[in-house]
Amino acid sequence: MSETTASRISSLPARLLRLYGGLALYGTGIALQVESGLGNDPWDVFHQGLAVRIGLSIGTVIIGIGALVMLLWIPLKQRPGIGTISNVLFLGLFADAAIFVLPTPSHLALQTLYLALGVPAIALATVLYIGAGMGPGPRDGIMTGLVRLGLSVRLGRFLIEVTVLAAGWLLGGTVGVGTLVFALAIGPLTQLFTRWFPLK
């Protein structure tokens, strides 16, 4: 066995820990932001709005939308990895579990604390699971596919997030100061966490 092969095998448990730890943290971040009641990130505005309309938990909707979004990978010629499949299967479960455990805050101070914890949790979780190198999440893959078709990363992300935000708001998802905080803070926070947990 070569040294490279041994290194790859020995690093697999660490990569899996990073992947599933990241997904668990991401689900917790979603739950904190949703339970804060101060406004969700664009995708979760959509997930929550759809969940309200069809009477399912937000986690169930996250799983269902993740699976449907993966169908769009076919014309974009994207290939899922184990991280992609795990994102579809587990992110919604982790979010529902955290929502079940977390008490719903009734005071603005606690709502603000939830928001202040939720957004950094999502940023760190993103760095962890993407850094595992086992495939992007289904929603991330759509952006990657659009970039391959010639769109810039900024334009691709903007078009996707404005679309799901508008649809989610029309469906009854929560848009508020938390949505703005997420939009302004998620990029800088993600960049900060990559210094501690490099993507490669």
C-alpha atoms as a PDB file:
ATOM      1  CA  MET A   1       0.000   0.000   0.000  1.00  0.00           C
ATOM      2  CA  SER A   2       1.402   3.387  -0.987  1.00  0.00           C
ATOM      3  CA  GLU A   3       1.783   6.240   1.470  1.00  0.00           C
ATOM      4  CA  THR A   4      -0.774   8.260  -0.521  1.00  0.00           C
ATOM      5  CA  THR A   5      -3.350   5.452  -0.348  1.00  0.00           C
ATOM      6  CA  ALA A   6      -2.795   5.004   3.374  1.00  0.00           C
ATOM      7  CA  SER A   7      -3.214   8.731   3.888  1.00  0.00           C
ATOM      8  CA  ARG A   8      -6.489   8.766   1.952  1.00  0.00           C
ATOM      9  CA  ILE A   9      -7.883   5.823   3.909  1.00  0.00           C
ATOM     10  CA  SER A  10      -6.856   7.237   7.271  1.00  0.00           C
ATOM     11  CA  SER A  11      -8.396  10.615   6.425  1.00  0.00           C
ATOM     12  CA  LEU A  12     -11.799   9.162   5.499  1.00  0.00           C
ATOM     13  CA  PRO A  13     -13.155   9.036   9.089  1.00  0.00           C
ATOM     14  CA  ALA A  14     -12.093  12.652   9.607  1.00  0.00           C
ATOM     15  CA  ARG A  15     -13.794  13.697   6.367  1.00  0.00           C
ATOM     16  CA  LEU A  16     -16.993  11.861   7.328  1.00  0.00           C
ATOM     17  CA  LEU A  17     -16.919  13.485  10.768  1.00  0.00           C
ATOM     18  CA  ARG A  18     -16.508  16.873   9.130  1.00  0.00           C
ATOM     19  CA  LEU A  19     -19.340  16.145   6.689  1.00  0.00           C
ATOM     20  CA  TYR A  20     -21.924  14.912   9.190  1.00  0.00           C
ATOM     21  CA  GLY A  21     -20.841  17.315  11.919  1.00  0.00           C
ATOM     22  CA  GLY A  22     -21.266  20.123   9.410  1.00  0.00           C
ATOM     23  CA  LEU A  23     -24.725  18.931   8.383  1.00  0.00           C
ATOM     24  CA  ALA A  24     -25.817  18.621  12.026  1.00  0.00           C
ATOM     25  CA  LEU A  25     -24.543  22.129  12.747  1.00  0.00           C
ATOM     26  CA  TYR A  26     -26.236  23.454   9.604  1.00  0.00           C
ATOM     27  CA  GLY A  27     -29.558  21.942  10.694  1.00  0.00           C
ATOM     28  CA  THR A  28     -29.124  23.531  14.118  1.00  0.00           C
ATOM     29  CA  GLY A  29     -28.367  26.898  12.507  1.00  0.00           C
ATOM     30  CA  ILE A  30     -31.519  26.655  10.409  1.00  0.00           C
ATOM     31  CA  ALA A  31     -33.546  25.819  13.515  1.00  0.00           C
ATOM     32  CA  LEU A  32     -32.104  28.743  15.476  1.00  0.00           C
ATOM     33  CA  GLN A  33     -32.886  31.212  12.715  1.00  0.00           C
ATOM     34  CA  VAL A  34     -36.386  29.834  12.094  1.00  0.00           C
ATOM     35  CA  GLU A  35     -37.215  29.756  15.804  1.00  0.00           C
ATOM     36  CA  SER A  36     -35.939  33.307  16.264  1.00  0.00           C
ATOM     37  CA  GLY A  37     -38.897  34.497  14.199  1.00  0.00           C
ATOM     38  CA  LEU A  38     -36.814  37.431  12.964  1.00  0.00           C
ATOM     39  CA  GLY A  39     -36.402  36.284   9.358  1.00  0.00           C
ATOM     40  CA  ASN A  40     -34.857  33.321   7.585  1.00  0.00           C
ATOM     41  CA  ASP A  41     -32.238  32.973   4.893  1.00  0.00           C
ATOM     42  CA  PRO A  42     -33.729  32.959   1.364  1.00  0.00           C
ATOM     43  CA  TRP A  43     -33.943  29.185   0.919  1.00  0.00           C
ATOM     44  CA  ASP A  44     -35.521  28.706   4.340  1.00  0.00           C
ATOM     45  CA  VAL A  45     -38.048  31.471   3.682  1.00  0.00           C
ATOM     46  CA  PHE A  46     -39.107  29.265   0.765  1.00  0.00           C
ATOM     47  CA  HIS A  47     -38.934  26.016   2.773  1.00  0.00           C
ATOM     48  CA  GLN A  48     -40.947  27.502   5.634  1.00  0.00           C
ATOM     49  CA  GLY A  49     -43.540  29.082   3.349  1.00  0.00           C
ATOM     50  CA  LEU A  50     -44.074  25.817   1.505  1.00  0.00           C
ATOM     51  CA  ALA A  51     -44.210  23.882   4.794  1.00  0.00           C
ATOM     52  CA  VAL A  52     -46.948  26.204   6.060  1.00  0.00           C
ATOM     53  CA  ARG A  53     -48.938  25.807   2.848  1.00  0.00           C
ATOM     54  CA  ILE A  54     -48.828  22.016   2.652  1.00  0.00           C
ATOM     55  CA  GLY A  55     -48.850  21.235   6.367  1.00  0.00           C
ATOM     56  CA  LEU A  56     -45.510  19.453   6.660  1.00  0.00           C
ATOM     57  CA  SER A  57     -42.504  20.142   8.870  1.00  0.00           C
ATOM     58  CA  ILE A  58     -39.829  22.430   7.460  1.00  0.00           C
ATOM     59  CA  GLY A  59     -37.341  19.559   7.634  1.00  0.00           C
ATOM     60  CA  THR A  60     -39.540  17.360   5.475  1.00  0.00           C
ATOM     61  CA  VAL A  61     -39.803  20.149   2.919  1.00  0.00           C
ATOM     62  CA  ILE A  62     -36.011  20.675   2.987  1.00  0.00           C
ATOM     63  CA  ILE A  63     -35.575  16.987   2.128  1.00  0.00           C
ATOM     64  CA  GLY A  64     -38.193  17.054  -0.616  1.00  0.00           C
ATOM     65  CA  ILE A  65     -36.917  20.246  -2.245  1.00  0.00           C
ATOM     66  CA  GLY A  66     -33.338  18.958  -2.032  1.00  0.00           C
ATOM     67  CA  ALA A  67     -34.356  15.835  -3.938  1.00  0.00           C
ATOM     68  CA  LEU A  68     -36.251  17.846  -6.554  1.00  0.00           C
ATOM     69  CA  VAL A  69     -33.374  20.296  -6.990  1.00  0.00           C
ATOM     70  CA  MET A  70     -31.078  17.370  -7.723  1.00  0.00           C
ATOM     71  CA  LEU A  71     -33.200  16.598 -10.774  1.00  0.00           C
ATOM     72  CA  LEU A  72     -32.047  19.930 -12.179  1.00  0.00           C
ATOM     73  CA  TRP A  73     -28.487  18.620 -11.973  1.00  0.00           C
ATOM     74  CA  ILE A  74     -29.190  16.322 -14.927  1.00  0.00           C
ATOM     75  CA  PRO A  75     -29.387  18.997 -17.661  1.00  0.00           C
ATOM     76  CA  LEU A  76     -26.593  20.928 -15.914  1.00  0.00           C
ATOM     77  CA  LYS A  77     -24.410  17.776 -16.034  1.00  0.00           C
ATOM     78  CA  GLN A  78     -23.594  17.899 -12.338  1.00  0.00           C
ATOM     79  CA  ARG A  79     -22.531  14.728 -10.520  1.00  0.00           C
ATOM     80  CA  PRO A  80     -23.587  14.161  -6.910  1.00  0.00           C
ATOM     81  CA  GLY A  81     -21.231  12.843  -4.269  1.00  0.00           C
ATOM     82  CA  ILE A  82     -21.869  11.148  -0.946  1.00  0.00           C
ATOM     83  CA  GLY A  83     -21.982  14.602   0.615  1.00  0.00           C
ATOM     84  CA  THR A  84     -24.735  15.624  -1.804  1.00  0.00           C
ATOM     85  CA  ILE A  85     -26.885  12.590  -0.990  1.00  0.00           C
ATOM     86  CA  SER A  86     -26.217  13.024   2.733  1.00  0.00           C
ATOM     87  CA  ASN A  87     -27.257  16.670   2.505  1.00  0.00           C
ATOM     88  CA  VAL A  88     -30.576  15.683   0.948  1.00  0.00           C
ATOM     89  CA  LEU A  89     -31.259  12.907   3.459  1.00  0.00           C
ATOM     90  CA  PHE A  90     -30.017  14.377   6.731  1.00  0.00           C
ATOM     91  CA  LEU A  91     -30.140  18.189   6.690  1.00  0.00           C
ATOM     92  CA  GLY A  92     -33.907  18.311   7.086  1.00  0.00           C
ATOM     93  CA  LEU A  93     -33.813  15.644   9.807  1.00  0.00           C
ATOM     94  CA  PHE A  94     -31.239  17.622  11.777  1.00  0.00           C
ATOM     95  CA  ALA A  95     -33.278  20.826  11.353  1.00  0.00           C
ATOM     96  CA  ASP A  96     -36.496  19.197  12.568  1.00  0.00           C
ATOM     97  CA  ALA A  97     -34.707  17.595  15.520  1.00  0.00           C
ATOM     98  CA  ALA A  98     -33.202  20.918  16.588  1.00  0.00           C
ATOM     99  CA  ILE A  99     -36.547  22.729  16.219  1.00  0.00           C
ATOM    100  CA  PHE A 100     -38.141  20.047  18.405  1.00  0.00           C
ATOM    101  CA  VAL A 101     -35.496  20.434  21.119  1.00  0.00           C
ATOM    102  CA  LEU A 102     -35.098  24.227  21.120  1.00  0.00           C
ATOM    103  CA  PRO A 103     -37.605  26.238  23.156  1.00  0.00           C
ATOM    104  CA  THR A 104     -39.411  28.883  21.125  1.00  0.00           C
ATOM    105  CA  PRO A 105     -38.222  32.277  22.424  1.00  0.00           C
ATOM    106  CA  SER A 106     -40.864  34.676  23.660  1.00  0.00           C
ATOM    107  CA  HIS A 107     -38.597  37.640  24.371  1.00  0.00           C
ATOM    108  CA  LEU A 108     -36.748  39.782  21.834  1.00  0.00           C
ATOM    109  CA  ALA A 109     -33.427  39.307  23.645  1.00  0.00           C
ATOM    110  CA  LEU A 110     -33.624  35.534  23.257  1.00  0.00           C
ATOM    111  CA  GLN A 111     -34.836  35.854  19.660  1.00  0.00           C
ATOM    112  CA  THR A 112     -31.804  38.035  18.938  1.00  0.00           C
ATOM    113  CA  LEU A 113     -29.516  35.502  20.603  1.00  0.00           C
ATOM    114  CA  TYR A 114     -30.948  32.728  18.436  1.00  0.00           C
ATOM    115  CA  LEU A 115     -30.286  34.798  15.327  1.00  0.00           C
ATOM    116  CA  ALA A 116     -26.782  35.730  16.506  1.00  0.00           C
ATOM    117  CA  LEU A 117     -25.975  32.036  16.988  1.00  0.00           C
ATOM    118  CA  GLY A 118     -27.800  30.715  13.941  1.00  0.00           C
ATOM    119  CA  VAL A 119     -26.097  32.703  11.182  1.00  0.00           C
ATOM    120  CA  PRO A 120     -22.497  31.914  12.310  1.00  0.00           C
ATOM    121  CA  ALA A 121     -23.526  28.270  12.794  1.00  0.00           C
ATOM    122  CA  ILE A 122     -24.656  28.073   9.161  1.00  0.00           C
ATOM    123  CA  ALA A 123     -21.452  29.757   7.965  1.00  0.00           C
ATOM    124  CA  LEU A 124     -19.219  27.379   9.926  1.00  0.00           C
ATOM    125  CA  ALA A 125     -21.317  24.381   8.889  1.00  0.00           C
ATOM    126  CA  THR A 126     -20.959  25.338   5.222  1.00  0.00           C
ATOM    127  CA  VAL A 127     -17.168  25.420   5.538  1.00  0.00           C
ATOM    128  CA  LEU A 128     -17.159  22.060   7.337  1.00  0.00           C
ATOM    129  CA  TYR A 129     -19.302  20.033   4.962  1.00  0.00           C
ATOM    130  CA  ILE A 130     -17.938  21.552   1.753  1.00  0.00           C
ATOM    131  CA  GLY A 131     -14.414  21.145   3.114  1.00  0.00           C
ATOM    132  CA  ALA A 132     -15.038  17.441   3.545  1.00  0.00           C
ATOM    133  CA  GLY A 133     -14.675  17.247  -0.232  1.00  0.00           C
ATOM    134  CA  MET A 134     -17.498  14.734  -0.686  1.00  0.00           C
ATOM    135  CA  GLY A 135     -19.761  16.749  -2.959  1.00  0.00           C
ATOM    136  CA  PRO A 136     -21.709  20.015  -2.689  1.00  0.00           C
ATOM    137  CA  GLY A 137     -25.238  20.311  -1.399  1.00  0.00           C
ATOM    138  CA  PRO A 138     -28.018  20.108  -3.995  1.00  0.00           C
ATOM    139  CA  ARG A 139     -28.682  23.858  -3.877  1.00  0.00           C
ATOM    140  CA  ASP A 140     -24.969  24.686  -4.148  1.00  0.00           C
ATOM    141  CA  GLY A 141     -24.734  22.394  -7.153  1.00  0.00           C
ATOM    142  CA  ILE A 142     -27.340  24.404  -9.057  1.00  0.00           C
ATOM    143  CA  MET A 143     -25.192  27.511  -8.682  1.00  0.00           C
ATOM    144  CA  THR A 144     -22.095  25.585  -9.753  1.00  0.00           C
ATOM    145  CA  GLY A 145     -23.940  24.282 -12.798  1.00  0.00           C
ATOM    146  CA  LEU A 146     -25.088  27.775 -13.811  1.00  0.00           C
ATOM    147  CA  VAL A 147     -21.514  29.017 -13.489  1.00  0.00           C
ATOM    148  CA  ARG A 148     -20.418  26.251 -15.863  1.00  0.00           C
ATOM    149  CA  LEU A 149     -22.982  27.569 -18.358  1.00  0.00           C
ATOM    150  CA  GLY A 150     -21.302  30.964 -18.285  1.00  0.00           C
ATOM    151  CA  LEU A 151     -22.970  32.912 -15.470  1.00  0.00           C
ATOM    152  CA  SER A 152     -20.814  34.557 -12.835  1.00  0.00           C
ATOM    153  CA  VAL A 153     -20.951  33.143  -9.301  1.00  0.00           C
ATOM    154  CA  ARG A 154     -22.409  36.417  -8.039  1.00  0.00           C
ATOM    155  CA  LEU A 155     -25.131  36.574 -10.703  1.00  0.00           C
ATOM    156  CA  GLY A 156     -25.975  32.886 -10.400  1.00  0.00           C
ATOM    157  CA  ARG A 157     -26.374  33.093  -6.636  1.00  0.00           C
ATOM    158  CA  PHE A 158     -28.305  36.365  -6.857  1.00  0.00           C
ATOM    159  CA  LEU A 159     -30.831  34.990  -9.355  1.00  0.00           C
ATOM    160  CA  ILE A 160     -31.399  31.798  -7.382  1.00  0.00           C
ATOM    161  CA  GLU A 161     -31.758  33.452  -3.982  1.00  0.00           C
ATOM    162  CA  VAL A 162     -33.989  36.300  -5.165  1.00  0.00           C
ATOM    163  CA  THR A 163     -36.271  33.750  -6.832  1.00  0.00           C
ATOM    164  CA  VAL A 164     -36.635  31.482  -3.792  1.00  0.00           C
ATOM    165  CA  LEU A 165     -36.922  34.463  -1.433  1.00  0.00           C
ATOM    166  CA  ALA A 166     -39.767  36.004  -3.448  1.00  0.00           C
ATOM    167  CA  ALA A 167     -41.552  32.667  -3.792  1.00  0.00           C
ATOM    168  CA  GLY A 168     -41.125  31.913  -0.088  1.00  0.00           C
ATOM    169  CA  TRP A 169     -42.414  35.336   0.947  1.00  0.00           C
ATOM    170  CA  LEU A 170     -45.495  34.898  -1.237  1.00  0.00           C
ATOM    171  CA  LEU A 171     -46.070  31.485   0.363  1.00  0.00           C
ATOM    172  CA  GLY A 172     -45.893  32.955   3.867  1.00  0.00           C
ATOM    173  CA  GLY A 173     -42.273  32.365   4.895  1.00  0.00           C
ATOM    174  CA  THR A 174     -40.755  34.742   7.440  1.00  0.00           C
ATOM    175  CA  VAL A 175     -38.796  37.646   5.945  1.00  0.00           C
ATOM    176  CA  GLY A 176     -37.325  40.199   8.333  1.00  0.00           C
ATOM    177  CA  VAL A 177     -34.204  41.651   9.861  1.00  0.00           C
ATOM    178  CA  GLY A 178     -32.750  38.144  10.133  1.00  0.00           C
ATOM    179  CA  THR A 179     -32.945  37.796   6.350  1.00  0.00           C
ATOM    180  CA  LEU A 180     -30.938  40.988   5.934  1.00  0.00           C
ATOM    181  CA  VAL A 181     -28.440  39.974   8.629  1.00  0.00           C
ATOM    182  CA  PHE A 182     -27.918  36.653   6.872  1.00  0.00           C
ATOM    183  CA  ALA A 183     -27.394  38.324   3.494  1.00  0.00           C
ATOM    184  CA  LEU A 184     -24.811  40.750   4.889  1.00  0.00           C
ATOM    185  CA  ALA A 185     -22.992  38.430   7.284  1.00  0.00           C
ATOM    186  CA  ILE A 186     -22.899  34.993   5.661  1.00  0.00           C
ATOM    187  CA  GLY A 187     -20.129  35.820   3.163  1.00  0.00           C
ATOM    188  CA  PRO A 188     -17.692  37.458   5.624  1.00  0.00           C
ATOM    189  CA  LEU A 189     -18.355  34.806   8.278  1.00  0.00           C
ATOM    190  CA  THR A 190     -17.786  31.959   5.832  1.00  0.00           C
ATOM    191  CA  GLN A 191     -14.539  33.579   4.714  1.00  0.00           C
ATOM    192  CA  LEU A 192     -13.471  33.951   8.349  1.00  0.00           C
ATOM    193  CA  PHE A 193     -14.110  30.297   9.157  1.00  0.00           C
ATOM    194  CA  THR A 194     -12.107  29.126   6.132  1.00  0.00           C
ATOM    195  CA  ARG A 195      -9.016  30.476   7.906  1.00  0.00           C
ATOM    196  CA  TRP A 196      -9.557  27.986  10.721  1.00  0.00           C
ATOM    197  CA  PHE A 197     -10.968  25.143   8.616  1.00  0.00           C
ATOM    198  CA  PRO A 198      -9.387  25.361   5.134  1.00  0.00           C
ATOM    199  CA  LEU A 199     -11.539  24.047   2.302  1.00  0.00           C
ATOM    200  CA  LYS A 200      -8.607  22.024   0.951  1.00  0.00           C
END
